[in-house]
């Protein structure tokens, strides 16, 4: 994993989007959700039913994909239903070959400072930081979320970095 340290400086950090910081631990589920949107747009209710989520989980997973810039959300003016579709970036990314798609998803995650710093710490130390260290990283970024929310969202940071490590270990 140390060999990836030199590649970290290739990432451009983006500003935090105007979307809640992710609280969606299962990154594979985000990928699956994006894949469902290849064929058609889905309403919030359709996503909730498809995954047997409660409504809050639907919001968490759709917000996570929106946080990465891969999904858009709009309200149908006629029905008032909230509907989700792939963004142009999401559509373009999903058309790539498997390995390129995974590397592009990793890039999308690591363009966010908290995830970048957590992954950098993972590479430097040889292990994923504990929740307390991740909370410290999050607090240092002025995310405008309270400490209790940071504690809940830190598990997502840890799980997404675990996913990255697992994907890179498969190479």
N, C-alpha and C. Protein backbone atom coordinates (compact mmCIF):
# COMPACT_ATOMS: atom_id res chain seq x y z
N UNK A 1 0.82 -1.20 0.00
CA UNK A 1 0.00 0.00 0.00
C UNK A 1 0.86 1.27 0.00
N UNK A 2 2.06 1.18 0.52
CA UNK A 2 2.94 2.35 0.57
C UNK A 2 3.19 2.91 -0.84
N UNK A 3 3.15 2.04 -1.84
CA UNK A 3 3.41 2.48 -3.20
C UNK A 3 2.38 3.50 -3.68
N UNK A 4 1.20 3.54 -3.04
CA UNK A 4 0.16 4.48 -3.43
C UNK A 4 0.40 5.89 -2.88
N UNK A 5 1.31 6.04 -1.92
CA UNK A 5 1.58 7.36 -1.34
C UNK A 5 1.96 8.38 -2.39
N UNK A 6 2.78 7.98 -3.36
CA UNK A 6 3.24 8.93 -4.37
C UNK A 6 2.09 9.41 -5.27
N UNK A 7 1.02 8.63 -5.35
CA UNK A 7 -0.11 9.01 -6.20
C UNK A 7 -1.07 9.98 -5.52
N UNK A 8 -0.95 10.13 -4.22
CA UNK A 8 -1.88 11.01 -3.51
C UNK A 8 -1.80 12.45 -4.00
N UNK A 9 -0.60 12.89 -4.39
CA UNK A 9 -0.47 14.28 -4.83
C UNK A 9 -1.10 14.52 -6.21
N UNK A 10 -1.61 13.47 -6.84
CA UNK A 10 -2.28 13.64 -8.14
C UNK A 10 -3.73 14.07 -7.99
N UNK A 11 -4.27 13.96 -6.77
CA UNK A 11 -5.67 14.29 -6.55
C UNK A 11 -5.86 15.78 -6.34
N UNK A 12 -6.91 16.30 -6.95
CA UNK A 12 -7.31 17.69 -6.74
C UNK A 12 -8.42 17.68 -5.70
N UNK A 13 -8.20 18.38 -4.61
CA UNK A 13 -9.22 18.45 -3.56
C UNK A 13 -10.30 19.43 -4.00
N UNK A 14 -11.55 19.02 -3.81
CA UNK A 14 -12.69 19.87 -4.18
C UNK A 14 -13.30 20.47 -2.93
N UNK A 15 -14.03 21.54 -3.12
CA UNK A 15 -14.75 22.16 -2.00
C UNK A 15 -15.88 21.22 -1.57
N UNK A 16 -16.21 21.28 -0.31
CA UNK A 16 -17.32 20.47 0.18
C UNK A 16 -18.60 20.91 -0.53
N UNK A 17 -19.35 19.95 -1.07
CA UNK A 17 -20.58 20.30 -1.79
C UNK A 17 -21.68 20.73 -0.83
N UNK A 18 -22.70 21.32 -1.38
CA UNK A 18 -23.84 21.75 -0.59
C UNK A 18 -24.82 20.57 -0.43
N UNK A 19 -24.28 19.47 0.07
CA UNK A 19 -25.01 18.23 0.30
C UNK A 19 -24.51 17.73 1.66
N UNK A 20 -25.37 17.15 2.48
CA UNK A 20 -24.90 16.67 3.79
C UNK A 20 -23.71 15.71 3.65
N UNK A 21 -22.80 15.80 4.63
CA UNK A 21 -21.67 14.88 4.66
C UNK A 21 -22.22 13.45 4.76
N UNK A 22 -21.65 12.51 4.00
CA UNK A 22 -22.23 11.16 3.89
C UNK A 22 -22.40 10.41 5.22
N UNK A 23 -23.50 9.69 5.29
CA UNK A 23 -23.75 8.72 6.35
C UNK A 23 -24.34 7.49 5.67
N UNK A 24 -23.50 6.78 4.94
CA UNK A 24 -23.92 5.61 4.17
C UNK A 24 -22.73 4.66 4.12
N UNK A 25 -22.67 3.75 5.05
CA UNK A 25 -21.46 2.94 5.24
C UNK A 25 -21.16 1.94 4.14
N UNK A 26 -22.17 1.45 3.46
CA UNK A 26 -21.98 0.38 2.48
C UNK A 26 -21.75 0.99 1.10
N UNK A 27 -20.47 1.14 0.72
CA UNK A 27 -20.18 1.78 -0.57
C UNK A 27 -20.65 0.94 -1.74
N UNK A 28 -20.65 -0.37 -1.59
CA UNK A 28 -21.16 -1.25 -2.67
C UNK A 28 -22.62 -0.94 -2.97
N UNK A 29 -23.38 -0.60 -1.94
CA UNK A 29 -24.80 -0.27 -2.15
C UNK A 29 -24.94 1.03 -2.95
N UNK A 30 -24.03 1.97 -2.75
CA UNK A 30 -24.03 3.20 -3.53
C UNK A 30 -23.79 2.87 -5.00
N UNK A 31 -22.81 2.02 -5.25
CA UNK A 31 -22.52 1.61 -6.63
C UNK A 31 -23.73 0.92 -7.24
N UNK A 32 -24.37 0.04 -6.48
CA UNK A 32 -25.56 -0.66 -6.97
C UNK A 32 -26.68 0.33 -7.29
N UNK A 33 -26.88 1.29 -6.43
CA UNK A 33 -27.90 2.31 -6.65
C UNK A 33 -27.62 3.10 -7.93
N UNK A 34 -26.38 3.48 -8.11
CA UNK A 34 -26.00 4.20 -9.34
C UNK A 34 -26.28 3.33 -10.57
N UNK A 35 -25.99 2.05 -10.47
CA UNK A 35 -26.20 1.13 -11.58
C UNK A 35 -27.68 1.02 -11.93
N UNK A 36 -28.54 1.04 -10.91
CA UNK A 36 -29.99 1.02 -11.18
C UNK A 36 -30.43 2.23 -11.98
N UNK A 37 -29.75 3.35 -11.77
CA UNK A 37 -30.14 4.59 -12.43
C UNK A 37 -29.67 4.67 -13.89
N UNK A 38 -28.89 3.71 -14.33
CA UNK A 38 -28.44 3.70 -15.73
C UNK A 38 -29.66 3.61 -16.65
N UNK A 39 -30.60 2.75 -16.29
CA UNK A 39 -31.75 2.48 -17.15
C UNK A 39 -32.87 3.49 -17.03
N UNK A 40 -33.07 4.04 -15.82
CA UNK A 40 -34.17 4.98 -15.65
C UNK A 40 -34.02 5.76 -14.35
N UNK A 41 -34.68 6.88 -14.31
CA UNK A 41 -34.73 7.67 -13.09
C UNK A 41 -35.61 6.93 -12.08
N UNK A 42 -35.35 7.16 -10.79
CA UNK A 42 -36.15 6.52 -9.76
C UNK A 42 -36.62 7.55 -8.75
N UNK A 43 -37.82 7.36 -8.26
CA UNK A 43 -38.32 8.24 -7.21
C UNK A 43 -37.76 7.77 -5.87
N UNK A 44 -37.88 8.64 -4.89
CA UNK A 44 -37.44 8.28 -3.54
C UNK A 44 -38.19 7.04 -3.06
N UNK A 45 -39.47 6.97 -3.36
CA UNK A 45 -40.28 5.83 -2.94
C UNK A 45 -39.84 4.53 -3.63
N UNK A 46 -39.48 4.61 -4.91
CA UNK A 46 -39.01 3.42 -5.63
C UNK A 46 -37.69 2.91 -5.05
N UNK A 47 -36.81 3.82 -4.71
CA UNK A 47 -35.52 3.42 -4.11
C UNK A 47 -35.77 2.79 -2.75
N UNK A 48 -36.62 3.41 -1.97
CA UNK A 48 -36.95 2.88 -0.64
C UNK A 48 -37.51 1.47 -0.74
N UNK A 49 -38.43 1.25 -1.68
CA UNK A 49 -39.03 -0.07 -1.86
C UNK A 49 -38.02 -1.08 -2.39
N UNK A 50 -37.19 -0.68 -3.37
CA UNK A 50 -36.22 -1.58 -3.97
C UNK A 50 -35.23 -2.12 -2.94
N UNK A 51 -34.77 -1.29 -2.05
CA UNK A 51 -33.77 -1.70 -1.07
C UNK A 51 -34.38 -2.08 0.28
N UNK A 52 -35.69 -1.98 0.39
CA UNK A 52 -36.37 -2.22 1.66
C UNK A 52 -35.74 -1.36 2.76
N UNK A 53 -35.42 -0.13 2.37
CA UNK A 53 -34.91 0.88 3.29
C UNK A 53 -36.07 1.48 4.06
N UNK A 54 -35.72 2.18 5.15
CA UNK A 54 -36.68 3.15 5.63
C UNK A 54 -36.32 4.44 4.89
N UNK A 55 -37.19 5.42 4.93
CA UNK A 55 -37.00 6.64 4.14
C UNK A 55 -35.68 7.34 4.48
N UNK A 56 -35.29 7.30 5.73
CA UNK A 56 -34.05 7.95 6.16
C UNK A 56 -32.83 7.33 5.47
N UNK A 57 -32.81 6.00 5.35
CA UNK A 57 -31.69 5.34 4.67
C UNK A 57 -31.63 5.73 3.20
N UNK A 58 -32.78 5.87 2.57
CA UNK A 58 -32.82 6.32 1.18
C UNK A 58 -32.16 7.68 1.06
N UNK A 59 -32.49 8.57 1.97
CA UNK A 59 -31.89 9.91 1.96
C UNK A 59 -30.38 9.82 2.15
N UNK A 60 -29.94 8.98 3.08
CA UNK A 60 -28.50 8.85 3.33
C UNK A 60 -27.75 8.37 2.08
N UNK A 61 -28.28 7.33 1.43
CA UNK A 61 -27.57 6.77 0.28
C UNK A 61 -27.64 7.67 -0.95
N UNK A 62 -28.78 8.29 -1.18
CA UNK A 62 -28.86 9.20 -2.32
C UNK A 62 -28.01 10.45 -2.07
N UNK A 63 -28.00 10.95 -0.83
CA UNK A 63 -27.14 12.10 -0.51
C UNK A 63 -25.66 11.75 -0.67
N UNK A 64 -25.29 10.52 -0.32
CA UNK A 64 -23.88 10.11 -0.48
C UNK A 64 -23.47 10.14 -1.95
N UNK A 65 -24.34 9.63 -2.82
CA UNK A 65 -24.04 9.66 -4.26
C UNK A 65 -24.02 11.09 -4.79
N UNK A 66 -24.91 11.92 -4.27
CA UNK A 66 -24.92 13.34 -4.66
C UNK A 66 -23.68 14.06 -4.14
N UNK A 67 -23.22 13.71 -2.95
CA UNK A 67 -22.01 14.28 -2.36
C UNK A 67 -20.81 14.06 -3.29
N UNK A 68 -20.78 12.89 -3.92
CA UNK A 68 -19.69 12.56 -4.85
C UNK A 68 -19.92 13.14 -6.25
N UNK A 69 -21.06 13.77 -6.46
CA UNK A 69 -21.35 14.39 -7.75
C UNK A 69 -21.82 13.41 -8.81
N UNK A 70 -22.28 12.24 -8.38
CA UNK A 70 -22.64 11.18 -9.32
C UNK A 70 -24.14 11.04 -9.55
N UNK A 71 -24.93 11.75 -8.77
CA UNK A 71 -26.38 11.65 -8.86
C UNK A 71 -26.97 13.05 -8.69
N UNK A 72 -28.08 13.28 -9.38
CA UNK A 72 -28.83 14.52 -9.23
C UNK A 72 -30.19 14.21 -8.65
N UNK A 73 -30.78 15.23 -8.03
CA UNK A 73 -32.10 15.11 -7.41
C UNK A 73 -32.96 16.26 -7.91
N UNK A 74 -34.20 15.95 -8.22
CA UNK A 74 -35.12 17.03 -8.58
C UNK A 74 -36.53 16.67 -8.11
N UNK A 75 -37.37 17.67 -8.05
CA UNK A 75 -38.77 17.49 -7.67
C UNK A 75 -39.61 17.66 -8.91
N UNK A 76 -40.39 16.62 -9.24
CA UNK A 76 -41.30 16.69 -10.37
C UNK A 76 -42.36 17.74 -10.08
N UNK A 77 -42.49 18.71 -10.96
CA UNK A 77 -43.42 19.82 -10.73
C UNK A 77 -44.88 19.39 -10.74
N UNK A 78 -45.18 18.31 -11.43
CA UNK A 78 -46.57 17.84 -11.50
C UNK A 78 -46.95 16.98 -10.30
N UNK A 79 -46.11 15.97 -10.02
CA UNK A 79 -46.45 15.01 -8.97
C UNK A 79 -45.86 15.38 -7.61
N UNK A 80 -44.90 16.30 -7.59
CA UNK A 80 -44.19 16.72 -6.36
C UNK A 80 -43.31 15.61 -5.81
N UNK A 81 -43.12 14.55 -6.59
CA UNK A 81 -42.26 13.45 -6.16
C UNK A 81 -40.79 13.84 -6.29
N UNK A 82 -39.99 13.39 -5.33
CA UNK A 82 -38.54 13.57 -5.41
C UNK A 82 -38.01 12.44 -6.28
N UNK A 83 -37.25 12.80 -7.30
CA UNK A 83 -36.73 11.84 -8.27
C UNK A 83 -35.22 11.99 -8.37
N UNK A 84 -34.55 10.85 -8.60
CA UNK A 84 -33.10 10.83 -8.71
C UNK A 84 -32.69 10.29 -10.08
N UNK A 85 -31.59 10.84 -10.59
CA UNK A 85 -31.04 10.38 -11.86
C UNK A 85 -29.52 10.49 -11.77
N UNK A 86 -28.85 9.80 -12.67
CA UNK A 86 -27.39 9.93 -12.73
C UNK A 86 -27.05 11.35 -13.19
N UNK A 87 -26.00 11.91 -12.61
CA UNK A 87 -25.47 13.17 -13.13
C UNK A 87 -24.68 12.84 -14.40
N UNK A 88 -24.27 13.85 -15.13
CA UNK A 88 -23.43 13.60 -16.31
C UNK A 88 -22.16 12.88 -15.91
N UNK A 89 -21.56 13.29 -14.78
CA UNK A 89 -20.34 12.63 -14.30
C UNK A 89 -20.61 11.17 -13.93
N UNK A 90 -21.75 10.92 -13.29
CA UNK A 90 -22.10 9.56 -12.91
C UNK A 90 -22.34 8.68 -14.12
N UNK A 91 -23.02 9.22 -15.11
CA UNK A 91 -23.29 8.47 -16.33
C UNK A 91 -21.99 8.14 -17.07
N UNK A 92 -21.12 9.12 -17.16
CA UNK A 92 -19.82 8.92 -17.82
C UNK A 92 -18.99 7.88 -17.07
N UNK A 93 -18.96 7.96 -15.76
CA UNK A 93 -18.16 7.05 -14.95
C UNK A 93 -18.65 5.61 -15.10
N UNK A 94 -19.95 5.41 -15.10
CA UNK A 94 -20.49 4.06 -15.14
C UNK A 94 -20.31 3.37 -16.49
N UNK A 95 -19.97 4.11 -17.51
CA UNK A 95 -19.72 3.53 -18.84
C UNK A 95 -18.31 2.98 -18.97
N UNK A 96 -17.47 3.25 -17.99
CA UNK A 96 -16.07 2.82 -18.06
C UNK A 96 -15.94 1.33 -17.74
N UNK A 97 -14.80 0.77 -18.19
CA UNK A 97 -14.49 -0.62 -17.84
C UNK A 97 -14.34 -0.74 -16.32
N UNK A 98 -14.51 -1.95 -15.81
CA UNK A 98 -14.57 -2.19 -14.37
C UNK A 98 -13.42 -1.53 -13.59
N UNK A 99 -12.19 -1.84 -13.96
CA UNK A 99 -11.05 -1.31 -13.20
C UNK A 99 -10.99 0.22 -13.23
N UNK A 100 -11.25 0.78 -14.40
CA UNK A 100 -11.24 2.23 -14.54
C UNK A 100 -12.38 2.85 -13.72
N UNK A 101 -13.52 2.17 -13.72
CA UNK A 101 -14.66 2.65 -12.94
C UNK A 101 -14.31 2.68 -11.45
N UNK A 102 -13.71 1.61 -10.96
CA UNK A 102 -13.33 1.55 -9.54
C UNK A 102 -12.32 2.64 -9.20
N UNK A 103 -11.31 2.80 -10.05
CA UNK A 103 -10.31 3.85 -9.80
C UNK A 103 -10.93 5.24 -9.86
N UNK A 104 -11.90 5.42 -10.73
CA UNK A 104 -12.60 6.71 -10.82
C UNK A 104 -13.44 6.96 -9.58
N UNK A 105 -14.07 5.92 -9.05
CA UNK A 105 -14.83 6.06 -7.80
C UNK A 105 -13.90 6.41 -6.64
N UNK A 106 -12.75 5.75 -6.60
CA UNK A 106 -11.76 6.06 -5.56
C UNK A 106 -11.33 7.52 -5.67
N UNK A 107 -11.09 7.96 -6.88
CA UNK A 107 -10.71 9.36 -7.10
C UNK A 107 -11.81 10.30 -6.60
N UNK A 108 -13.07 9.99 -6.92
CA UNK A 108 -14.19 10.83 -6.48
C UNK A 108 -14.22 10.96 -4.95
N UNK A 109 -13.94 9.86 -4.26
CA UNK A 109 -13.93 9.88 -2.80
C UNK A 109 -12.75 10.70 -2.29
N UNK A 110 -11.56 10.42 -2.83
CA UNK A 110 -10.35 11.06 -2.31
C UNK A 110 -10.20 12.52 -2.70
N UNK A 111 -11.10 13.03 -3.54
CA UNK A 111 -11.11 14.46 -3.84
C UNK A 111 -11.67 15.27 -2.67
N UNK A 112 -12.20 14.58 -1.67
CA UNK A 112 -12.74 15.24 -0.48
C UNK A 112 -11.71 15.13 0.64
N UNK A 113 -11.38 16.26 1.21
CA UNK A 113 -10.26 16.39 2.14
C UNK A 113 -10.29 15.38 3.29
N UNK A 114 -11.43 15.18 3.91
CA UNK A 114 -11.51 14.25 5.05
C UNK A 114 -11.11 12.85 4.62
N UNK A 115 -11.63 12.40 3.50
CA UNK A 115 -11.33 11.06 3.01
C UNK A 115 -9.86 10.97 2.58
N UNK A 116 -9.38 12.01 1.93
CA UNK A 116 -7.98 12.08 1.51
C UNK A 116 -7.06 11.95 2.72
N UNK A 117 -7.32 12.76 3.76
CA UNK A 117 -6.46 12.74 4.95
C UNK A 117 -6.53 11.40 5.67
N UNK A 118 -7.71 10.80 5.71
CA UNK A 118 -7.85 9.50 6.37
C UNK A 118 -7.12 8.42 5.59
N UNK A 119 -7.22 8.47 4.27
CA UNK A 119 -6.51 7.49 3.44
C UNK A 119 -5.00 7.71 3.52
N UNK A 120 -4.59 8.96 3.53
CA UNK A 120 -3.16 9.29 3.66
C UNK A 120 -2.61 8.73 4.97
N UNK A 121 -3.35 8.88 6.05
CA UNK A 121 -2.96 8.33 7.34
C UNK A 121 -2.88 6.80 7.28
N UNK A 122 -3.83 6.20 6.57
CA UNK A 122 -3.84 4.74 6.40
C UNK A 122 -2.57 4.28 5.70
N UNK A 123 -2.20 4.97 4.63
CA UNK A 123 -1.00 4.60 3.89
C UNK A 123 0.26 4.82 4.71
N UNK A 124 0.31 5.92 5.42
CA UNK A 124 1.51 6.25 6.21
C UNK A 124 1.71 5.31 7.39
N UNK A 125 0.61 4.91 8.04
CA UNK A 125 0.70 4.13 9.27
C UNK A 125 0.48 2.64 9.08
N UNK A 126 -0.05 2.26 7.92
CA UNK A 126 -0.27 0.85 7.66
C UNK A 126 -1.58 0.31 8.21
N UNK A 127 -2.44 1.19 8.74
CA UNK A 127 -3.74 0.76 9.24
C UNK A 127 -4.71 1.93 9.15
N UNK A 128 -5.98 1.59 9.08
CA UNK A 128 -7.02 2.63 9.01
C UNK A 128 -7.16 3.26 10.39
N UNK A 129 -7.16 4.58 10.47
CA UNK A 129 -7.26 5.24 11.77
C UNK A 129 -8.54 4.84 12.51
N UNK A 130 -8.48 4.91 13.84
CA UNK A 130 -9.67 4.62 14.62
C UNK A 130 -10.65 5.79 14.53
N UNK A 131 -11.83 5.56 15.04
CA UNK A 131 -12.91 6.55 14.95
C UNK A 131 -12.51 7.88 15.59
N UNK A 132 -11.80 7.84 16.72
CA UNK A 132 -11.38 9.09 17.38
C UNK A 132 -10.48 9.92 16.47
N UNK A 133 -9.53 9.27 15.81
CA UNK A 133 -8.63 9.99 14.90
C UNK A 133 -9.41 10.55 13.70
N UNK A 134 -10.34 9.77 13.18
CA UNK A 134 -11.15 10.25 12.06
C UNK A 134 -12.00 11.45 12.50
N UNK A 135 -12.56 11.38 13.70
CA UNK A 135 -13.33 12.53 14.22
C UNK A 135 -12.45 13.77 14.29
N UNK A 136 -11.21 13.61 14.72
CA UNK A 136 -10.27 14.75 14.78
C UNK A 136 -10.01 15.32 13.38
N UNK A 137 -9.84 14.43 12.43
CA UNK A 137 -9.64 14.88 11.04
C UNK A 137 -10.87 15.65 10.57
N UNK A 138 -12.04 15.13 10.86
CA UNK A 138 -13.27 15.79 10.45
C UNK A 138 -13.44 17.15 11.13
N UNK A 139 -13.16 17.21 12.41
CA UNK A 139 -13.27 18.48 13.14
C UNK A 139 -12.32 19.53 12.57
N UNK A 140 -11.15 19.11 12.13
CA UNK A 140 -10.17 20.06 11.60
C UNK A 140 -10.60 20.67 10.26
N UNK A 141 -11.60 20.10 9.63
CA UNK A 141 -12.05 20.56 8.31
C UNK A 141 -13.21 21.54 8.37
N UNK A 142 -13.68 21.89 9.55
CA UNK A 142 -14.78 22.86 9.67
C UNK A 142 -15.95 22.49 8.77
N UNK A 143 -16.52 21.34 8.99
CA UNK A 143 -17.61 20.82 8.15
C UNK A 143 -18.97 21.40 8.51
N UNK A 144 -19.01 22.22 9.54
CA UNK A 144 -20.27 22.81 10.00
C UNK A 144 -21.29 21.76 10.43
N UNK A 145 -20.79 20.71 11.09
CA UNK A 145 -21.68 19.72 11.70
C UNK A 145 -21.22 19.52 13.14
N UNK A 146 -22.16 19.22 14.02
CA UNK A 146 -21.83 19.11 15.43
C UNK A 146 -21.09 17.82 15.74
N UNK A 147 -20.54 17.74 16.93
CA UNK A 147 -19.67 16.61 17.31
C UNK A 147 -20.43 15.28 17.29
N UNK A 148 -21.68 15.26 17.70
CA UNK A 148 -22.46 14.01 17.67
C UNK A 148 -22.64 13.52 16.23
N UNK A 149 -22.88 14.45 15.32
CA UNK A 149 -23.03 14.09 13.92
C UNK A 149 -21.69 13.62 13.36
N UNK A 150 -20.63 14.31 13.73
CA UNK A 150 -19.29 13.89 13.30
C UNK A 150 -19.01 12.46 13.76
N UNK A 151 -19.38 12.14 14.99
CA UNK A 151 -19.15 10.78 15.50
C UNK A 151 -19.90 9.75 14.66
N UNK A 152 -21.15 10.06 14.28
CA UNK A 152 -21.92 9.12 13.44
C UNK A 152 -21.33 9.02 12.04
N UNK A 153 -20.96 10.13 11.47
CA UNK A 153 -20.47 10.15 10.08
C UNK A 153 -19.05 9.60 9.95
N UNK A 154 -18.31 9.59 11.05
CA UNK A 154 -16.94 9.07 11.00
C UNK A 154 -16.90 7.60 10.61
N UNK A 155 -17.96 6.86 10.95
CA UNK A 155 -17.99 5.44 10.56
C UNK A 155 -18.06 5.29 9.05
N UNK A 156 -18.73 6.23 8.38
CA UNK A 156 -18.77 6.20 6.91
C UNK A 156 -17.39 6.45 6.33
N UNK A 157 -16.66 7.40 6.90
CA UNK A 157 -15.30 7.68 6.42
C UNK A 157 -14.47 6.41 6.55
N UNK A 158 -14.56 5.77 7.70
CA UNK A 158 -13.77 4.55 7.93
C UNK A 158 -14.17 3.45 6.95
N UNK A 159 -15.47 3.25 6.74
CA UNK A 159 -15.93 2.18 5.84
C UNK A 159 -15.55 2.46 4.39
N UNK A 160 -15.63 3.73 3.96
CA UNK A 160 -15.25 4.05 2.58
C UNK A 160 -13.76 3.86 2.38
N UNK A 161 -12.96 4.22 3.37
CA UNK A 161 -11.51 4.00 3.25
C UNK A 161 -11.22 2.50 3.27
N UNK A 162 -11.93 1.73 4.06
CA UNK A 162 -11.79 0.27 4.03
C UNK A 162 -12.10 -0.25 2.63
N UNK A 163 -13.16 0.26 2.02
CA UNK A 163 -13.53 -0.16 0.66
C UNK A 163 -12.40 0.16 -0.31
N UNK A 164 -11.83 1.35 -0.20
CA UNK A 164 -10.71 1.73 -1.07
C UNK A 164 -9.55 0.76 -0.89
N UNK A 165 -9.18 0.50 0.35
CA UNK A 165 -8.07 -0.42 0.64
C UNK A 165 -8.35 -1.79 0.04
N UNK A 166 -9.57 -2.29 0.22
CA UNK A 166 -9.93 -3.60 -0.34
C UNK A 166 -9.84 -3.60 -1.86
N UNK A 167 -10.30 -2.55 -2.50
CA UNK A 167 -10.26 -2.48 -3.97
C UNK A 167 -8.82 -2.43 -4.47
N UNK A 168 -7.97 -1.66 -3.79
CA UNK A 168 -6.58 -1.55 -4.22
C UNK A 168 -5.80 -2.82 -3.90
N UNK A 169 -6.23 -3.57 -2.90
CA UNK A 169 -5.57 -4.83 -2.55
C UNK A 169 -5.84 -5.91 -3.58
N UNK A 170 -6.95 -5.77 -4.30
CA UNK A 170 -7.30 -6.74 -5.35
C UNK A 170 -6.42 -6.61 -6.57
N UNK A 171 -5.76 -5.46 -6.70
CA UNK A 171 -4.95 -5.21 -7.91
C UNK A 171 -3.80 -6.17 -8.01
